[in-house]
């Protein structure tokens, strides 16, 4: 059974950091691109970051201004999203999603291309 499970969310103080995990089961991440998306209350889901399969590249939303870092550990079948200098605009449900094969910079935000989605993990930035 193919499954993506996010974890690591919670309540974070402004300026704080948190690392989210996306654990895959039922398939090997070696051949999959993993994207991170988030949906804030009342807003559409948006792309945050992506790590392409085959080491093609990693991509980030420009608005993040270098605060987030995506990484993968294929041996653990897990992808991570390290988030720093968090502010209230980062409050959202964070989802990871998988699509087979590599993607390039102009492709990674296309949500319809992702085959599998996790259930999401809530990150709330508040004092």
PDB file of N, CA and C in Angstrom:
ATOM      1  N   UNK A   1       0.843  -1.193   0.000  1.00  0.00           N
ATOM      2  CA  UNK A   1       0.000   0.000   0.000  1.00  0.00           C
ATOM      3  C   UNK A   1       0.882   1.249   0.000  1.00  0.00           C
ATOM      4  N   UNK A   2       0.650   2.099  -0.982  1.00  0.00           N
ATOM      5  CA  UNK A   2       1.420   3.336  -1.084  1.00  0.00           C
ATOM      6  C   UNK A   2       0.920   4.337  -0.055  1.00  0.00           C
ATOM      7  N   UNK A   3       1.859   4.918   0.670  1.00  0.00           N
ATOM      8  CA  UNK A   3       1.473   5.856   1.715  1.00  0.00           C
ATOM      9  C   UNK A   3       2.566   6.879   1.956  1.00  0.00           C
ATOM     10  N   UNK A   4       2.152   8.108   2.205  1.00  0.00           N
ATOM     11  CA  UNK A   4       3.032   9.175   2.645  1.00  0.00           C
ATOM     12  C   UNK A   4       2.507   9.675   3.978  1.00  0.00           C
ATOM     13  N   UNK A   5       3.389   9.780   4.939  1.00  0.00           N
ATOM     14  CA  UNK A   5       2.966  10.233   6.262  1.00  0.00           C
ATOM     15  C   UNK A   5       3.859  11.380   6.707  1.00  0.00           C
ATOM     16  N   UNK A   6       3.243  12.538   6.914  1.00  0.00           N
ATOM     17  CA  UNK A   6       3.984  13.692   7.413  1.00  0.00           C
ATOM     18  C   UNK A   6       3.974  13.695   8.945  1.00  0.00           C
ATOM     19  N   UNK A   7       5.025  14.236   9.507  1.00  0.00           N
ATOM     20  CA  UNK A   7       5.095  14.389  10.956  1.00  0.00           C
ATOM     21  C   UNK A   7       6.000  15.563  11.288  1.00  0.00           C
ATOM     22  N   UNK A   8       5.957  15.974  12.535  1.00  0.00           N
ATOM     23  CA  UNK A   8       6.842  17.036  12.992  1.00  0.00           C
ATOM     24  C   UNK A   8       6.178  18.379  13.192  1.00  0.00           C
ATOM     25  N   UNK A   9       4.936  18.490  12.803  1.00  0.00           N
ATOM     26  CA  UNK A   9       4.248  19.759  12.972  1.00  0.00           C
ATOM     27  C   UNK A   9       3.888  20.013  14.427  1.00  0.00           C
ATOM     28  N   UNK A  10       3.406  21.220  14.677  1.00  0.00           N
ATOM     29  CA  UNK A  10       3.002  21.585  16.026  1.00  0.00           C
ATOM     30  C   UNK A  10       2.995  23.083  16.189  1.00  0.00           C
ATOM     31  N   UNK A  11       3.041  23.510  17.437  1.00  0.00           N
ATOM     32  CA  UNK A  11       3.060  24.925  17.758  1.00  0.00           C
ATOM     33  C   UNK A  11       4.498  25.406  17.864  1.00  0.00           C
ATOM     34  N   UNK A  12       4.804  26.467  17.153  1.00  0.00           N
ATOM     35  CA  UNK A  12       6.159  27.022  17.116  1.00  0.00           C
ATOM     36  C   UNK A  12       6.084  28.515  17.391  1.00  0.00           C
ATOM     37  N   UNK A  13       7.019  29.016  18.162  1.00  0.00           N
ATOM     38  CA  UNK A  13       7.049  30.453  18.433  1.00  0.00           C
ATOM     39  C   UNK A  13       7.603  31.211  17.239  1.00  0.00           C
ATOM     40  N   UNK A  14       7.169  32.425  17.057  1.00  0.00           N
ATOM     41  CA  UNK A  14       7.731  33.243  15.981  1.00  0.00           C
ATOM     42  C   UNK A  14       9.251  33.314  16.087  1.00  0.00           C
ATOM     43  N   UNK A  15       9.900  33.147  14.947  1.00  0.00           N
ATOM     44  CA  UNK A  15      11.354  33.111  14.921  1.00  0.00           C
ATOM     45  C   UNK A  15      11.939  31.745  15.163  1.00  0.00           C
ATOM     46  N   UNK A  16      11.104  30.804  15.499  1.00  0.00           N
ATOM     47  CA  UNK A  16      11.561  29.462  15.792  1.00  0.00           C
ATOM     48  C   UNK A  16      11.758  28.600  14.558  1.00  0.00           C
ATOM     49  N   UNK A  17      12.115  27.359  14.803  1.00  0.00           N
ATOM     50  CA  UNK A  17      12.399  26.414  13.732  1.00  0.00           C
ATOM     51  C   UNK A  17      11.667  25.097  13.980  1.00  0.00           C
ATOM     52  N   UNK A  18      11.428  24.389  12.913  1.00  0.00           N
ATOM     53  CA  UNK A  18      10.848  23.054  13.010  1.00  0.00           C
ATOM     54  C   UNK A  18      11.250  22.276  11.768  1.00  0.00           C
ATOM     55  N   UNK A  19      11.372  20.987  11.919  1.00  0.00           N
ATOM     56  CA  UNK A  19      11.674  20.122  10.781  1.00  0.00           C
ATOM     57  C   UNK A  19      10.541  19.128  10.596  1.00  0.00           C
ATOM     58  N   UNK A  20       9.973  19.133   9.417  1.00  0.00           N
ATOM     59  CA  UNK A  20       8.921  18.186   9.064  1.00  0.00           C
ATOM     60  C   UNK A  20       9.538  16.974   8.370  1.00  0.00           C
ATOM     61  N   UNK A  21       8.909  15.836   8.565  1.00  0.00           N
ATOM     62  CA  UNK A  21       9.333  14.608   7.902  1.00  0.00           C
ATOM     63  C   UNK A  21       8.203  14.082   7.032  1.00  0.00           C
ATOM     64  N   UNK A  22       8.574  13.447   5.954  1.00  0.00           N
ATOM     65  CA  UNK A  22       7.621  12.794   5.062  1.00  0.00           C
ATOM     66  C   UNK A  22       8.142  11.388   4.827  1.00  0.00           C
ATOM     67  N   UNK A  23       7.515  10.426   5.458  1.00  0.00           N
ATOM     68  CA  UNK A  23       7.942   9.037   5.351  1.00  0.00           C
ATOM     69  C   UNK A  23       7.104   8.312   4.308  1.00  0.00           C
ATOM     70  N   UNK A  24       7.786   7.671   3.383  1.00  0.00           N
ATOM     71  CA  UNK A  24       7.100   6.951   2.311  1.00  0.00           C
ATOM     72  C   UNK A  24       7.107   5.454   2.577  1.00  0.00           C
ATOM     73  N   UNK A  25       6.045   4.791   2.220  1.00  0.00           N
ATOM     74  CA  UNK A  25       5.984   3.336   2.298  1.00  0.00           C
ATOM     75  C   UNK A  25       5.235   2.813   1.075  1.00  0.00           C
ATOM     76  N   UNK A  26       5.582   1.608   0.674  1.00  0.00           N
ATOM     77  CA  UNK A  26       4.938   0.995  -0.481  1.00  0.00           C
ATOM     78  C   UNK A  26       5.602   1.333  -1.807  1.00  0.00           C
ATOM     79  N   UNK A  27       6.589   2.200  -1.790  1.00  0.00           N
ATOM     80  CA  UNK A  27       7.354   2.514  -2.985  1.00  0.00           C
ATOM     81  C   UNK A  27       8.695   3.099  -2.553  1.00  0.00           C
ATOM     82  N   UNK A  28       9.638   3.129  -3.485  1.00  0.00           N
ATOM     83  CA  UNK A  28      10.967   3.640  -3.181  1.00  0.00           C
ATOM     84  C   UNK A  28      11.099   5.082  -3.616  1.00  0.00           C
ATOM     85  N   UNK A  29      11.574   5.916  -2.714  1.00  0.00           N
ATOM     86  CA  UNK A  29      11.767   7.321  -3.056  1.00  0.00           C
ATOM     87  C   UNK A  29      12.874   7.535  -4.085  1.00  0.00           C
ATOM     88  N   UNK A  30      13.695   6.519  -4.306  1.00  0.00           N
ATOM     89  CA  UNK A  30      14.793   6.657  -5.267  1.00  0.00           C
ATOM     90  C   UNK A  30      14.290   7.180  -6.612  1.00  0.00           C
ATOM     91  N   UNK A  31      13.075   6.800  -6.976  1.00  0.00           N
ATOM     92  CA  UNK A  31      12.578   7.106  -8.313  1.00  0.00           C
ATOM     93  C   UNK A  31      11.478   8.163  -8.316  1.00  0.00           C
ATOM     94  N   UNK A  32      11.300   8.801  -7.170  1.00  0.00           N
ATOM     95  CA  UNK A  32      10.196   9.752  -7.049  1.00  0.00           C
ATOM     96  C   UNK A  32      10.661  11.141  -6.652  1.00  0.00           C
ATOM     97  N   UNK A  33       9.998  12.105  -7.225  1.00  0.00           N
ATOM     98  CA  UNK A  33      10.126  13.495  -6.812  1.00  0.00           C
ATOM     99  C   UNK A  33       9.137  13.751  -5.681  1.00  0.00           C
ATOM    100  N   UNK A  34       9.613  14.463  -4.655  1.00  0.00           N
ATOM    101  CA  UNK A  34       8.760  14.802  -3.530  1.00  0.00           C
ATOM    102  C   UNK A  34       8.593  16.314  -3.450  1.00  0.00           C
ATOM    103  N   UNK A  35       7.358  16.721  -3.405  1.00  0.00           N
ATOM    104  CA  UNK A  35       7.052  18.137  -3.239  1.00  0.00           C
ATOM    105  C   UNK A  35       6.429  18.391  -1.884  1.00  0.00           C
ATOM    106  N   UNK A  36       6.703  19.573  -1.371  1.00  0.00           N
ATOM    107  CA  UNK A  36       6.047  20.043  -0.161  1.00  0.00           C
ATOM    108  C   UNK A  36       5.101  21.186  -0.542  1.00  0.00           C
ATOM    109  N   UNK A  37       3.915  21.114  -0.031  1.00  0.00           N
ATOM    110  CA  UNK A  37       2.902  22.129  -0.283  1.00  0.00           C
ATOM    111  C   UNK A  37       2.292  22.535   1.055  1.00  0.00           C
ATOM    112  N   UNK A  38       1.662  23.690   1.082  1.00  0.00           N
ATOM    113  CA  UNK A  38       0.990  24.096   2.309  1.00  0.00           C
ATOM    114  C   UNK A  38      -0.306  24.823   1.972  1.00  0.00           C
ATOM    115  N   UNK A  39      -1.216  24.741   2.909  1.00  0.00           N
ATOM    116  CA  UNK A  39      -2.492  25.430   2.753  1.00  0.00           C
ATOM    117  C   UNK A  39      -2.815  26.152   4.052  1.00  0.00           C
ATOM    118  N   UNK A  40      -2.824  27.462   3.944  1.00  0.00           N
ATOM    119  CA  UNK A  40      -3.178  28.314   5.081  1.00  0.00           C
ATOM    120  C   UNK A  40      -4.693  28.495   5.124  1.00  0.00           C
ATOM    121  N   UNK A  41      -5.227  28.835   6.266  1.00  0.00           N
ATOM    122  CA  UNK A  41      -6.682  29.027   6.379  1.00  0.00           C
ATOM    123  C   UNK A  41      -7.197  30.044   5.375  1.00  0.00           C
ATOM    124  N   UNK A  42      -8.205  29.656   4.622  1.00  0.00           N
ATOM    125  CA  UNK A  42      -8.813  30.552   3.657  1.00  0.00           C
ATOM    126  C   UNK A  42      -8.016  30.781   2.395  1.00  0.00           C
ATOM    127  N   UNK A  43      -6.930  30.047   2.222  1.00  0.00           N
ATOM    128  CA  UNK A  43      -6.089  30.240   1.037  1.00  0.00           C
ATOM    129  C   UNK A  43      -5.968  28.943   0.251  1.00  0.00           C
ATOM    130  N   UNK A  44      -5.558  29.074  -0.984  1.00  0.00           N
ATOM    131  CA  UNK A  44      -5.324  27.904  -1.815  1.00  0.00           C
ATOM    132  C   UNK A  44      -4.007  27.228  -1.411  1.00  0.00           C
ATOM    133  N   UNK A  45      -3.954  25.952  -1.704  1.00  0.00           N
ATOM    134  CA  UNK A  45      -2.716  25.227  -1.448  1.00  0.00           C
ATOM    135  C   UNK A  45      -1.633  25.729  -2.396  1.00  0.00           C
ATOM    136  N   UNK A  46      -0.431  25.903  -1.859  1.00  0.00           N
ATOM    137  CA  UNK A  46       0.663  26.452  -2.656  1.00  0.00           C
ATOM    138  C   UNK A  46       1.920  25.609  -2.501  1.00  0.00           C
ATOM    139  N   UNK A  47       2.764  25.678  -3.506  1.00  0.00           N
ATOM    140  CA  UNK A  47       4.020  24.964  -3.463  1.00  0.00           C
ATOM    141  C   UNK A  47       5.017  25.637  -2.551  1.00  0.00           C
ATOM    142  N   UNK A  48       5.728  24.848  -1.788  1.00  0.00           N
ATOM    143  CA  UNK A  48       6.737  25.337  -0.849  1.00  0.00           C
ATOM    144  C   UNK A  48       8.133  24.963  -1.334  1.00  0.00           C
ATOM    145  N   UNK A  49       8.311  23.673  -1.636  1.00  0.00           N
ATOM    146  CA  UNK A  49       9.630  23.194  -2.012  1.00  0.00           C
ATOM    147  C   UNK A  49       9.496  21.850  -2.694  1.00  0.00           C
ATOM    148  N   UNK A  50      10.591  21.414  -3.281  1.00  0.00           N
ATOM    149  CA  UNK A  50      10.574  20.148  -4.008  1.00  0.00           C
ATOM    150  C   UNK A  50      11.986  19.597  -4.098  1.00  0.00           C
ATOM    151  N   UNK A  51      12.102  18.285  -3.970  1.00  0.00           N
ATOM    152  CA  UNK A  51      13.361  17.610  -4.248  1.00  0.00           C
ATOM    153  C   UNK A  51      13.111  16.603  -5.351  1.00  0.00           C
ATOM    154  N   UNK A  52      13.782  16.795  -6.453  1.00  0.00           N
ATOM    155  CA  UNK A  52      13.549  15.939  -7.605  1.00  0.00           C
ATOM    156  C   UNK A  52      14.295  14.627  -7.455  1.00  0.00           C
ATOM    157  N   UNK A  53      13.766  13.599  -8.060  1.00  0.00           N
ATOM    158  CA  UNK A  53      14.493  12.349  -8.125  1.00  0.00           C
ATOM    159  C   UNK A  53      15.710  12.518  -9.027  1.00  0.00           C
ATOM    160  N   UNK A  54      16.611  11.579  -8.956  1.00  0.00           N
ATOM    161  CA  UNK A  54      17.811  11.555  -9.794  1.00  0.00           C
ATOM    162  C   UNK A  54      18.709  12.784  -9.599  1.00  0.00           C
ATOM    163  N   UNK A  55      18.552  13.446  -8.435  1.00  0.00           N
ATOM    164  CA  UNK A  55      19.397  14.608  -8.108  1.00  0.00           C
ATOM    165  C   UNK A  55      19.337  15.696  -9.175  1.00  0.00           C
ATOM    166  N   UNK A  56      18.198  15.815  -9.811  1.00  0.00           N
ATOM    167  CA  UNK A  56      18.050  16.856 -10.830  1.00  0.00           C
ATOM    168  C   UNK A  56      18.094  18.232 -10.209  1.00  0.00           C
ATOM    169  N   UNK A  57      17.475  18.368  -9.025  1.00  0.00           N
ATOM    170  CA  UNK A  57      17.513  19.671  -8.378  1.00  0.00           C
ATOM    171  C   UNK A  57      16.565  19.771  -7.211  1.00  0.00           C
ATOM    172  N   UNK A  58      16.723  20.848  -6.468  1.00  0.00           N
ATOM    173  CA  UNK A  58      15.788  21.192  -5.406  1.00  0.00           C
ATOM    174  C   UNK A  58      15.246  22.575  -5.694  1.00  0.00           C
ATOM    175  N   UNK A  59      14.008  22.809  -5.332  1.00  0.00           N
ATOM    176  CA  UNK A  59      13.353  24.041  -5.714  1.00  0.00           C
ATOM    177  C   UNK A  59      12.585  24.597  -4.519  1.00  0.00           C
ATOM    178  N   UNK A  60      12.448  25.924  -4.527  1.00  0.00           N
ATOM    179  CA  UNK A  60      11.784  26.597  -3.429  1.00  0.00           C
ATOM    180  C   UNK A  60      10.914  27.726  -3.951  1.00  0.00           C
ATOM    181  N   UNK A  61       9.862  27.998  -3.208  1.00  0.00           N
ATOM    182  CA  UNK A  61       9.076  29.183  -3.508  1.00  0.00           C
ATOM    183  C   UNK A  61       9.906  30.422  -3.207  1.00  0.00           C
ATOM    184  N   UNK A  62       9.875  31.387  -4.082  1.00  0.00           N
ATOM    185  CA  UNK A  62      10.676  32.609  -3.909  1.00  0.00           C
ATOM    186  C   UNK A  62      10.341  33.332  -2.617  1.00  0.00           C
ATOM    187  N   UNK A  63       9.100  33.248  -2.211  1.00  0.00           N
ATOM    188  CA  UNK A  63       8.650  33.987  -1.034  1.00  0.00           C
ATOM    189  C   UNK A  63       9.314  33.520   0.266  1.00  0.00           C
ATOM    190  N   UNK A  64       9.900  32.334   0.228  1.00  0.00           N
ATOM    191  CA  UNK A  64      10.506  31.796   1.446  1.00  0.00           C
ATOM    192  C   UNK A  64      11.820  32.481   1.796  1.00  0.00           C
ATOM    193  N   UNK A  65      12.444  33.086   0.833  1.00  0.00           N
ATOM    194  CA  UNK A  65      13.673  33.856   1.053  1.00  0.00           C
ATOM    195  C   UNK A  65      14.738  33.043   1.777  1.00  0.00           C
ATOM    196  N   UNK A  66      14.874  31.789   1.379  1.00  0.00           N
ATOM    197  CA  UNK A  66      15.965  30.965   1.884  1.00  0.00           C
ATOM    198  C   UNK A  66      15.794  30.424   3.282  1.00  0.00           C
ATOM    199  N   UNK A  67      14.605  30.508   3.832  1.00  0.00           N
ATOM    200  CA  UNK A  67      14.408  30.061   5.213  1.00  0.00           C
ATOM    201  C   UNK A  67      14.175  28.560   5.332  1.00  0.00           C
ATOM    202  N   UNK A  68      13.805  27.925   4.226  1.00  0.00           N
ATOM    203  CA  UNK A  68      13.485  26.498   4.265  1.00  0.00           C
ATOM    204  C   UNK A  68      14.544  25.698   3.513  1.00  0.00           C
ATOM    205  N   UNK A  69      14.772  24.480   3.948  1.00  0.00           N
ATOM    206  CA  UNK A  69      15.704  23.579   3.286  1.00  0.00           C
ATOM    207  C   UNK A  69      15.077  22.195   3.171  1.00  0.00           C
ATOM    208  N   UNK A  70      15.034  21.677   1.961  1.00  0.00           N
ATOM    209  CA  UNK A  70      14.510  20.332   1.740  1.00  0.00           C
ATOM    210  C   UNK A  70      15.666  19.364   1.546  1.00  0.00           C
ATOM    211  N   UNK A  71      15.499  18.168   2.069  1.00  0.00           N
ATOM    212  CA  UNK A  71      16.531  17.143   1.909  1.00  0.00           C
ATOM    213  C   UNK A  71      15.853  15.778   1.886  1.00  0.00           C
ATOM    214  N   UNK A  72      16.575  14.799   1.402  1.00  0.00           N
ATOM    215  CA  UNK A  72      16.020  13.458   1.363  1.00  0.00           C
ATOM    216  C   UNK A  72      17.042  12.449   1.844  1.00  0.00           C
ATOM    217  N   UNK A  73      16.561  11.388   2.452  1.00  0.00           N
ATOM    218  CA  UNK A  73      17.372  10.260   2.843  1.00  0.00           C
ATOM    219  C   UNK A  73      16.717   9.038   2.211  1.00  0.00           C
ATOM    220  N   UNK A  74      17.186   8.684   1.042  1.00  0.00           N
ATOM    221  CA  UNK A  74      16.558   7.580   0.310  1.00  0.00           C
ATOM    222  C   UNK A  74      16.690   6.260   1.065  1.00  0.00           C
ATOM    223  N   UNK A  75      17.751   6.108   1.831  1.00  0.00           N
ATOM    224  CA  UNK A  75      17.927   4.874   2.600  1.00  0.00           C
ATOM    225  C   UNK A  75      16.814   4.717   3.641  1.00  0.00           C
ATOM    226  N   UNK A  76      16.334   5.845   4.161  1.00  0.00           N
ATOM    227  CA  UNK A  76      15.245   5.821   5.137  1.00  0.00           C
ATOM    228  C   UNK A  76      13.893   6.042   4.478  1.00  0.00           C
ATOM    229  N   UNK A  77      13.936   6.263   3.152  1.00  0.00           N
ATOM    230  CA  UNK A  77      12.695   6.531   2.420  1.00  0.00           C
ATOM    231  C   UNK A  77      11.935   7.716   3.016  1.00  0.00           C
ATOM    232  N   UNK A  78      12.689   8.737   3.362  1.00  0.00           N
ATOM    233  CA  UNK A  78      12.110   9.890   4.055  1.00  0.00           C
ATOM    234  C   UNK A  78      12.664  11.187   3.473  1.00  0.00           C
ATOM    235  N   UNK A  79      11.795  12.177   3.381  1.00  0.00           N
ATOM    236  CA  UNK A  79      12.177  13.521   2.962  1.00  0.00           C
ATOM    237  C   UNK A  79      11.898  14.475   4.118  1.00  0.00           C
ATOM    238  N   UNK A  80      12.756  15.473   4.253  1.00  0.00           N
ATOM    239  CA  UNK A  80      12.649  16.416   5.358  1.00  0.00           C
ATOM    240  C   UNK A  80      12.472  17.835   4.826  1.00  0.00           C
ATOM    241  N   UNK A  81      11.803  18.637   5.608  1.00  0.00           N
ATOM    242  CA  UNK A  81      11.687  20.058   5.311  1.00  0.00           C
ATOM    243  C   UNK A  81      12.053  20.816   6.579  1.00  0.00           C
ATOM    244  N   UNK A  82      13.228  21.413   6.558  1.00  0.00           N
ATOM    245  CA  UNK A  82      13.700  22.209   7.695  1.00  0.00           C
ATOM    246  C   UNK A  82      13.240  23.647   7.498  1.00  0.00           C
ATOM    247  N   UNK A  83      12.563  24.180   8.494  1.00  0.00           N
ATOM    248  CA  UNK A  83      12.005  25.520   8.385  1.00  0.00           C
ATOM    249  C   UNK A  83      12.542  26.386   9.512  1.00  0.00           C
ATOM    250  N   UNK A  84      13.065  27.539   9.157  1.00  0.00           N
ATOM    251  CA  UNK A  84      13.664  28.445  10.135  1.00  0.00           C
ATOM    252  C   UNK A  84      13.003  29.819  10.065  1.00  0.00           C
ATOM    253  N   UNK A  85      13.260  30.620  11.091  1.00  0.00           N
ATOM    254  CA  UNK A  85      12.763  32.001  11.145  1.00  0.00           C
ATOM    255  C   UNK A  85      11.280  32.068  10.815  1.00  0.00           C
ATOM    256  N   UNK A  86      10.525  31.232  11.444  1.00  0.00           N
ATOM    257  CA  UNK A  86       9.101  31.122  11.137  1.00  0.00           C
ATOM    258  C   UNK A  86       8.334  32.351  11.601  1.00  0.00           C
ATOM    259  N   UNK A  87       7.321  32.703  10.835  1.00  0.00           N
ATOM    260  CA  UNK A  87       6.434  33.801  11.207  1.00  0.00           C
ATOM    261  C   UNK A  87       4.986  33.338  11.028  1.00  0.00           C
ATOM    262  N   UNK A  88       4.057  34.192  11.383  1.00  0.00           N
ATOM    263  CA  UNK A  88       2.661  33.756  11.393  1.00  0.00           C
ATOM    264  C   UNK A  88       2.155  33.426   9.986  1.00  0.00           C
ATOM    265  N   UNK A  89       2.812  33.949   8.969  1.00  0.00           N
ATOM    266  CA  UNK A  89       2.399  33.623   7.595  1.00  0.00           C
ATOM    267  C   UNK A  89       2.763  32.190   7.210  1.00  0.00           C
ATOM    268  N   UNK A  90       3.577  31.545   8.023  1.00  0.00           N
ATOM    269  CA  UNK A  90       3.930  30.146   7.761  1.00  0.00           C
ATOM    270  C   UNK A  90       2.929  29.183   8.393  1.00  0.00           C
ATOM    271  N   UNK A  91       1.983  29.697   9.137  1.00  0.00           N
ATOM    272  CA  UNK A  91       0.961  28.847   9.713  1.00  0.00           C
ATOM    273  C   UNK A  91       0.120  28.229   8.607  1.00  0.00           C
ATOM    274  N   UNK A  92       0.075  26.905   8.583  1.00  0.00           N
ATOM    275  CA  UNK A  92      -0.627  26.192   7.515  1.00  0.00           C
ATOM    276  C   UNK A  92      -0.587  24.694   7.791  1.00  0.00           C
ATOM    277  N   UNK A  93      -1.361  23.970   7.017  1.00  0.00           N
ATOM    278  CA  UNK A  93      -1.209  22.517   6.962  1.00  0.00           C
ATOM    279  C   UNK A  93      -0.201  22.226   5.862  1.00  0.00           C
ATOM    280  N   UNK A  94       0.793  21.458   6.194  1.00  0.00           N
ATOM    281  CA  UNK A  94       1.868  21.132   5.254  1.00  0.00           C
ATOM    282  C   UNK A  94       1.682  19.703   4.755  1.00  0.00           C
ATOM    283  N   UNK A  95       1.734  19.569   3.443  1.00  0.00           N
ATOM    284  CA  UNK A  95       1.552  18.281   2.785  1.00  0.00           C
ATOM    285  C   UNK A  95       2.803  17.913   2.003  1.00  0.00           C
ATOM    286  N   UNK A  96       3.124  16.625   1.976  1.00  0.00           N
ATOM    287  CA  UNK A  96       4.104  16.157   1.012  1.00  0.00           C
ATOM    288  C   UNK A  96       3.368  15.329  -0.043  1.00  0.00           C
ATOM    289  N   UNK A  97       3.955  15.299  -1.224  1.00  0.00           N
ATOM    290  CA  UNK A  97       3.333  14.602  -2.345  1.00  0.00           C
ATOM    291  C   UNK A  97       4.428  14.009  -3.215  1.00  0.00           C
ATOM    292  N   UNK A  98       4.096  12.949  -3.931  1.00  0.00           N
ATOM    293  CA  UNK A  98       5.094  12.234  -4.728  1.00  0.00           C
ATOM    294  C   UNK A  98       4.638  12.070  -6.171  1.00  0.00           C
ATOM    295  N   UNK A  99       5.574  12.228  -7.066  1.00  0.00           N
ATOM    296  CA  UNK A  99       5.341  11.900  -8.477  1.00  0.00           C
ATOM    297  C   UNK A  99       6.554  11.162  -9.007  1.00  0.00           C
ATOM    298  N   UNK A 100       6.322  10.235  -9.905  1.00  0.00           N
ATOM    299  CA  UNK A 100       7.401   9.417 -10.443  1.00  0.00           C
ATOM    300  C   UNK A 100       8.264  10.230 -11.391  1.00  0.00           C
ATOM    301  N   UNK A 101       9.570  10.018 -11.285  1.00  0.00           N
ATOM    302  CA  UNK A 101      10.492  10.643 -12.213  1.00  0.00           C
ATOM    303  C   UNK A 101      10.944  12.021 -11.777  1.00  0.00           C
ATOM    304  N   UNK A 102      11.933  12.540 -12.486  1.00  0.00           N
ATOM    305  CA  UNK A 102      12.474  13.856 -12.156  1.00  0.00           C
ATOM    306  C   UNK A 102      11.581  14.983 -12.660  1.00  0.00           C
ATOM    307  N   UNK A 103      11.702  16.134 -12.025  1.00  0.00           N
ATOM    308  CA  UNK A 103      11.020  17.332 -12.497  1.00  0.00           C
ATOM    309  C   UNK A 103      12.014  18.479 -12.536  1.00  0.00           C
ATOM    310  N   UNK A 104      11.667  19.494 -13.285  1.00  0.00           N
ATOM    311  CA  UNK A 104      12.518  20.658 -13.424  1.00  0.00           C
ATOM    312  C   UNK A 104      11.823  21.882 -12.835  1.00  0.00           C
ATOM    313  N   UNK A 105      12.554  22.973 -12.838  1.00  0.00           N
ATOM    314  CA  UNK A 105      12.090  24.141 -12.101  1.00  0.00           C
ATOM    315  C   UNK A 105      10.726  24.661 -12.505  1.00  0.00           C
ATOM    316  N   UNK A 106      10.373  24.499 -13.784  1.00  0.00           N
ATOM    317  CA  UNK A 106       9.108  25.053 -14.231  1.00  0.00           C
ATOM    318  C   UNK A 106       7.941  24.071 -14.014  1.00  0.00           C
ATOM    319  N   UNK A 107       8.262  22.890 -13.485  1.00  0.00           N
ATOM    320  CA  UNK A 107       7.245  21.852 -13.369  1.00  0.00           C
ATOM    321  C   UNK A 107       6.777  21.592 -11.944  1.00  0.00           C
ATOM    322  N   UNK A 108       7.603  21.847 -10.947  1.00  0.00           N
ATOM    323  CA  UNK A 108       7.385  21.250  -9.651  1.00  0.00           C
ATOM    324  C   UNK A 108       6.114  21.721  -8.954  1.00  0.00           C
ATOM    325  N   UNK A 109       5.612  22.876  -9.326  1.00  0.00           N
ATOM    326  CA  UNK A 109       4.407  23.383  -8.673  1.00  0.00           C
ATOM    327  C   UNK A 109       3.116  22.786  -9.220  1.00  0.00           C
ATOM    328  N   UNK A 110       3.185  22.026 -10.287  1.00  0.00           N
ATOM    329  CA  UNK A 110       1.967  21.476 -10.892  1.00  0.00           C
ATOM    330  C   UNK A 110       1.391  20.380 -10.003  1.00  0.00           C
ATOM    331  N   UNK A 111       0.460  20.702  -9.175  1.00  0.00           N
ATOM    332  CA  UNK A 111      -0.041  19.774  -8.176  1.00  0.00           C
ATOM    333  C   UNK A 111      -0.730  18.572  -8.815  1.00  0.00           C
ATOM    334  N   UNK A 112      -1.327  18.748  -9.964  1.00  0.00           N
ATOM    335  CA  UNK A 112      -2.044  17.646 -10.608  1.00  0.00           C
ATOM    336  C   UNK A 112      -1.107  16.542 -11.061  1.00  0.00           C
ATOM    337  N   UNK A 113       0.199  16.829 -11.127  1.00  0.00           N
ATOM    338  CA  UNK A 113       1.161  15.812 -11.572  1.00  0.00           C
ATOM    339  C   UNK A 113       1.567  14.879 -10.441  1.00  0.00           C
ATOM    340  N   UNK A 114       1.241  15.244  -9.218  1.00  0.00           N
ATOM    341  CA  UNK A 114       1.641  14.422  -8.077  1.00  0.00           C
ATOM    342  C   UNK A 114       0.615  13.311  -7.863  1.00  0.00           C
ATOM    343  N   UNK A 115       1.105  12.101  -7.793  1.00  0.00           N
ATOM    344  CA  UNK A 115       0.227  10.931  -7.724  1.00  0.00           C
ATOM    345  C   UNK A 115      -0.245  10.627  -6.319  1.00  0.00           C
ATOM    346  N   UNK A 116       0.628  10.813  -5.359  1.00  0.00           N
ATOM    347  CA  UNK A 116       0.337  10.414  -3.987  1.00  0.00           C
ATOM    348  C   UNK A 116       0.491  11.616  -3.064  1.00  0.00           C
ATOM    349  N   UNK A 117      -0.401  11.694  -2.099  1.00  0.00           N
ATOM    350  CA  UNK A 117      -0.401  12.795  -1.138  1.00  0.00           C
ATOM    351  C   UNK A 117      -0.517  12.260   0.283  1.00  0.00           C
ATOM    352  N   UNK A 118       0.176  12.940   1.199  1.00  0.00           N
ATOM    353  CA  UNK A 118      -0.009  12.631   2.603  1.00  0.00           C
ATOM    354  C   UNK A 118      -1.232  13.336   3.157  1.00  0.00           C
ATOM    355  N   UNK A 119      -1.493  13.096   4.412  1.00  0.00           N
ATOM    356  CA  UNK A 119      -2.691  13.651   5.046  1.00  0.00           C
ATOM    357  C   UNK A 119      -2.448  15.060   5.588  1.00  0.00           C
ATOM    358  N   UNK A 120      -1.198  15.445   5.662  1.00  0.00           N
ATOM    359  CA  UNK A 120      -0.859  16.785   6.127  1.00  0.00           C
ATOM    360  C   UNK A 120      -0.520  16.838   7.605  1.00  0.00           C
ATOM    361  N   UNK A 121       0.288  17.829   7.957  1.00  0.00           N
ATOM    362  CA  UNK A 121       0.621  18.082   9.356  1.00  0.00           C
ATOM    363  C   UNK A 121       0.495  19.581   9.616  1.00  0.00           C
ATOM    364  N   UNK A 122      -0.102  19.939  10.706  1.00  0.00           N
ATOM    365  CA  UNK A 122      -0.371  21.333  11.015  1.00  0.00           C
ATOM    366  C   UNK A 122       0.850  21.984  11.647  1.00  0.00           C
ATOM    367  N   UNK A 123       1.219  23.144  11.129  1.00  0.00           N
ATOM    368  CA  UNK A 123       2.236  23.984  11.756  1.00  0.00           C
ATOM    369  C   UNK A 123       1.568  25.300  12.123  1.00  0.00           C
ATOM    370  N   UNK A 124       1.630  25.638  13.385  1.00  0.00           N
ATOM    371  CA  UNK A 124       1.047  26.887  13.868  1.00  0.00           C
ATOM    372  C   UNK A 124       2.139  27.731  14.486  1.00  0.00           C
ATOM    373  N   UNK A 125       2.324  28.924  13.943  1.00  0.00           N
ATOM    374  CA  UNK A 125       3.334  29.842  14.464  1.00  0.00           C
ATOM    375  C   UNK A 125       2.618  30.892  15.301  1.00  0.00           C
ATOM    376  N   UNK A 126       2.898  30.851  16.589  1.00  0.00           N
ATOM    377  CA  UNK A 126       2.202  31.754  17.497  1.00  0.00           C
ATOM    378  C   UNK A 126       2.954  31.837  18.818  1.00  0.00           C
ATOM    379  N   UNK A 127       2.871  33.014  19.436  1.00  0.00           N
ATOM    380  CA  UNK A 127       3.475  33.176  20.757  1.00  0.00           C
ATOM    381  C   UNK A 127       2.446  32.882  21.855  1.00  0.00           C
TER     382      UNK A 127
END
